[in-house]
C-alpha atoms as a PDB file:
ATOM      1  CA  GLN A   1     -14.562  -3.902 -10.862  1.00  0.00           C
ATOM      2  CA  VAL A   2     -13.686  -1.756  -7.871  1.00  0.00           C
ATOM      3  CA  GLN A   3     -10.821   0.670  -8.312  1.00  0.00           C
ATOM      4  CA  LEU A   4      -9.178   2.988  -5.823  1.00  0.00           C
ATOM      5  CA  VAL A   5      -6.916   5.489  -7.555  1.00  0.00           C
ATOM      6  CA  GLU A   6      -4.576   7.567  -5.440  1.00  0.00           C
ATOM      7  CA  SER A   7      -2.944  10.804  -6.536  1.00  0.00           C
ATOM      8  CA  GLY A   8      -1.119  13.753  -5.055  1.00  0.00           C
ATOM      9  CA  GLY A   9       2.093  12.157  -3.906  1.00  0.00           C
ATOM     10  CA  GLY A  10       5.488  13.619  -4.642  1.00  0.00           C
ATOM     11  CA  LEU A  11       8.652  15.113  -3.243  1.00  0.00           C
ATOM     12  CA  VAL A  12       8.446  17.849  -0.640  1.00  0.00           C
ATOM     13  CA  GLN A  13      10.803  19.460   1.826  1.00  0.00           C
ATOM     14  CA  ALA A  14      10.425  18.937   5.542  1.00  0.00           C
ATOM     15  CA  GLY A  15       7.792  21.282   6.920  1.00  0.00           C
ATOM     16  CA  GLY A  16       5.870  21.315   3.668  1.00  0.00           C
ATOM     17  CA  SER A  17       2.419  20.043   2.780  1.00  0.00           C
ATOM     18  CA  LEU A  18       0.799  17.630   0.370  1.00  0.00           C
ATOM     19  CA  ARG A  19      -2.774  16.560  -0.219  1.00  0.00           C
ATOM     20  CA  LEU A  20      -3.480  13.020  -1.299  1.00  0.00           C
ATOM     21  CA  SER A  21      -6.690  12.069  -3.062  1.00  0.00           C
ATOM     22  CA  CYS A  22      -8.271   8.681  -3.575  1.00  0.00           C
ATOM     23  CA  ALA A  23     -11.056   8.348  -6.110  1.00  0.00           C
ATOM     24  CA  ALA A  24     -13.122   5.224  -5.601  1.00  0.00           C
ATOM     25  CA  SER A  25     -15.280   3.478  -8.181  1.00  0.00           C
ATOM     26  CA  LEU A  26     -17.326   1.951  -5.420  1.00  0.00           C
ATOM     27  CA  SER A  27     -21.082   2.020  -5.252  1.00  0.00           C
ATOM     28  CA  GLU A  28     -20.983   1.448  -1.494  1.00  0.00           C
ATOM     29  CA  PHE A  29     -18.644   4.403  -0.892  1.00  0.00           C
ATOM     30  CA  SER A  30     -21.025   6.169   1.480  1.00  0.00           C
ATOM     31  CA  ILE A  31     -21.088   3.210   3.864  1.00  0.00           C
ATOM     32  CA  ALA A  32     -17.403   2.345   3.619  1.00  0.00           C
ATOM     33  CA  THR A  33     -14.772   3.086   6.188  1.00  0.00           C
ATOM     34  CA  MET A  34     -12.117   4.796   4.126  1.00  0.00           C
ATOM     35  CA  GLY A  35      -8.533   4.878   5.222  1.00  0.00           C
ATOM     36  CA  TRP A  36      -4.982   5.772   4.442  1.00  0.00           C
ATOM     37  CA  TYR A  37      -2.095   3.475   5.268  1.00  0.00           C
ATOM     38  CA  ARG A  38       1.607   3.787   4.552  1.00  0.00           C
ATOM     39  CA  GLN A  39       4.550   1.506   4.095  1.00  0.00           C
ATOM     40  CA  ALA A  40       8.113   2.685   4.450  1.00  0.00           C
ATOM     41  CA  PRO A  41      11.036   0.636   3.085  1.00  0.00           C
ATOM     42  CA  GLY A  42      11.708  -2.367   5.287  1.00  0.00           C
ATOM     43  CA  LYS A  43       8.627  -1.764   7.419  1.00  0.00           C
ATOM     44  CA  GLN A  44       5.129  -3.172   7.586  1.00  0.00           C
ATOM     45  CA  ARG A  45       2.149  -1.302   6.262  1.00  0.00           C
ATOM     46  CA  ALA A  46       0.697   0.847   9.022  1.00  0.00           C
ATOM     47  CA  LEU A  47      -2.458   2.816   9.595  1.00  0.00           C
ATOM     48  CA  VAL A  48      -2.278   6.565   9.072  1.00  0.00           C
ATOM     49  CA  ALA A  49      -5.904   7.635   9.312  1.00  0.00           C
ATOM     50  CA  THR A  50      -9.409   6.308   8.798  1.00  0.00           C
ATOM     51  CA  MET A  51     -12.835   7.819   8.552  1.00  0.00           C
ATOM     52  CA  SER A  52     -15.884   5.782   9.458  1.00  0.00           C
ATOM     53  CA  ARG A  53     -19.156   5.770   7.531  1.00  0.00           C
ATOM     54  CA  GLY A  54     -20.452   8.124  10.203  1.00  0.00           C
ATOM     55  CA  GLY A  55     -17.656  10.616   9.602  1.00  0.00           C
ATOM     56  CA  ARG A  56     -15.572   9.871  12.685  1.00  0.00           C
ATOM     57  CA  PRO A  57     -11.827  10.223  12.036  1.00  0.00           C
ATOM     58  CA  ASN A  58      -9.120   8.148  13.624  1.00  0.00           C
ATOM     59  CA  TYR A  59      -5.407   8.929  13.437  1.00  0.00           C
ATOM     60  CA  ALA A  60      -2.138   7.267  14.227  1.00  0.00           C
ATOM     61  CA  ASP A  61      -0.426   9.038  17.101  1.00  0.00           C
ATOM     62  CA  SER A  62       2.489   9.960  14.860  1.00  0.00           C
ATOM     63  CA  VAL A  63       0.314  12.125  12.591  1.00  0.00           C
ATOM     64  CA  LYS A  64      -2.200  13.610  15.026  1.00  0.00           C
ATOM     65  CA  GLY A  65      -2.338  17.367  14.701  1.00  0.00           C
ATOM     66  CA  ARG A  66      -0.555  17.323  11.337  1.00  0.00           C
ATOM     67  CA  PHE A  67      -2.730  15.200   9.029  1.00  0.00           C
ATOM     68  CA  THR A  68      -6.440  15.537   8.318  1.00  0.00           C
ATOM     69  CA  ILE A  69      -8.622  12.939   6.604  1.00  0.00           C
ATOM     70  CA  SER A  70     -11.824  13.963   4.868  1.00  0.00           C
ATOM     71  CA  LYS A  71     -14.403  12.212   2.746  1.00  0.00           C
ATOM     72  CA  ASP A  72     -16.634  13.568  -0.005  1.00  0.00           C
ATOM     73  CA  ASN A  73     -19.476  11.133  -0.609  1.00  0.00           C
ATOM     74  CA  ALA A  74     -20.749  13.133  -3.577  1.00  0.00           C
ATOM     75  CA  LYS A  75     -17.408  12.676  -5.351  1.00  0.00           C
ATOM     76  CA  ASN A  76     -16.592   9.205  -4.010  1.00  0.00           C
ATOM     77  CA  THR A  77     -13.263  10.623  -2.929  1.00  0.00           C
ATOM     78  CA  VAL A  78     -11.263  10.564   0.274  1.00  0.00           C
ATOM     79  CA  TYR A  79      -8.485  13.029   0.988  1.00  0.00           C
ATOM     80  CA  LEU A  80      -5.487  13.196   3.262  1.00  0.00           C
ATOM     81  CA  GLN A  81      -4.164  16.664   3.963  1.00  0.00           C
ATOM     82  CA  MET A  82      -0.618  16.362   5.263  1.00  0.00           C
ATOM     83  CA  ASN A  83       1.001  19.369   6.896  1.00  0.00           C
ATOM     84  CA  SER A  84       4.304  19.856   8.706  1.00  0.00           C
ATOM     85  CA  LEU A  85       5.725  16.862   6.911  1.00  0.00           C
ATOM     86  CA  LYS A  86       8.771  15.124   8.349  1.00  0.00           C
ATOM     87  CA  PRO A  87      11.345  12.870   6.702  1.00  0.00           C
ATOM     88  CA  GLU A  88       9.904   9.964   8.684  1.00  0.00           C
ATOM     89  CA  ASP A  89       6.632  10.435   6.795  1.00  0.00           C
ATOM     90  CA  THR A  90       8.374   9.153   3.671  1.00  0.00           C
ATOM     91  CA  ALA A  91       6.511   6.070   2.456  1.00  0.00           C
ATOM     92  CA  VAL A  92       4.172   4.676  -0.129  1.00  0.00           C
ATOM     93  CA  TYR A  93       0.677   5.748   0.868  1.00  0.00           C
ATOM     94  CA  TYR A  94      -2.224   3.410   0.155  1.00  0.00           C
ATOM     95  CA  CYS A  95      -5.930   4.081   0.096  1.00  0.00           C
ATOM     96  CA  ASN A  96      -8.229   1.473   1.633  1.00  0.00           C
ATOM     97  CA  ALA A  97     -11.962   0.883   1.539  1.00  0.00           C
ATOM     98  CA  ASP A  98     -13.520  -1.403   4.093  1.00  0.00           C
ATOM     99  CA  ILE A  99     -17.161  -2.398   3.980  1.00  0.00           C
ATOM    100  CA  GLY A 100     -17.547  -4.552   7.007  1.00  0.00           C
ATOM    101  CA  LEU A 101     -21.230  -5.101   6.368  1.00  0.00           C
ATOM    102  CA  TYR A 102     -20.370  -7.167   3.286  1.00  0.00           C
ATOM    103  CA  GLY A 103     -16.882  -8.316   4.211  1.00  0.00           C
ATOM    104  CA  TYR A 104     -15.319  -6.320   1.393  1.00  0.00           C
ATOM    105  CA  ASN A 105     -11.867  -4.751   1.598  1.00  0.00           C
ATOM    106  CA  TYR A 106     -10.068  -2.997  -1.231  1.00  0.00           C
ATOM    107  CA  TRP A 107      -6.665  -1.367  -1.741  1.00  0.00           C
ATOM    108  CA  GLY A 108      -5.328   1.204  -4.158  1.00  0.00           C
ATOM    109  CA  GLN A 109      -2.022   0.887  -5.952  1.00  0.00           C
ATOM    110  CA  GLY A 110      -0.233   3.405  -3.740  1.00  0.00           C
ATOM    111  CA  THR A 111       1.397   6.783  -4.213  1.00  0.00           C
ATOM    112  CA  GLN A 112       4.922   7.694  -3.164  1.00  0.00           C
ATOM    113  CA  VAL A 113       5.501  10.499  -0.688  1.00  0.00           C
ATOM    114  CA  THR A 114       9.091  11.567  -0.129  1.00  0.00           C
ATOM    115  CA  VAL A 115      10.029  14.202   2.429  1.00  0.00           C
ATOM    116  CA  SER A 116      13.545  15.582   2.212  1.00  0.00           C
ATOM    117  CA  SER A 117      15.366  17.017   5.203  1.00  0.00           C
END
């Protein structure tokens, strides 16, 4: 059974930093596109950042220059370093694994990030 377990969320003041981690029990981790998405109250889930199997990152415009996604294939873990946090970054953050080759797509349970002004 595939599990994606997020950690690292919490409450932080505006301008602060957090690092989210997502540990994946996924044998195909090295070929997965790993991503972070977020869902704020009353809004749809939206892409934050992804990293392709080849290591190419992709970011939403709203987080470019502030967030950094990284992937450690040896640890089956993907990270999201979030700096210069803003109140509008407040959301539940979800980890995603997409293995297009096999048509697999998995989600974690989410971790809450709250940024106070």
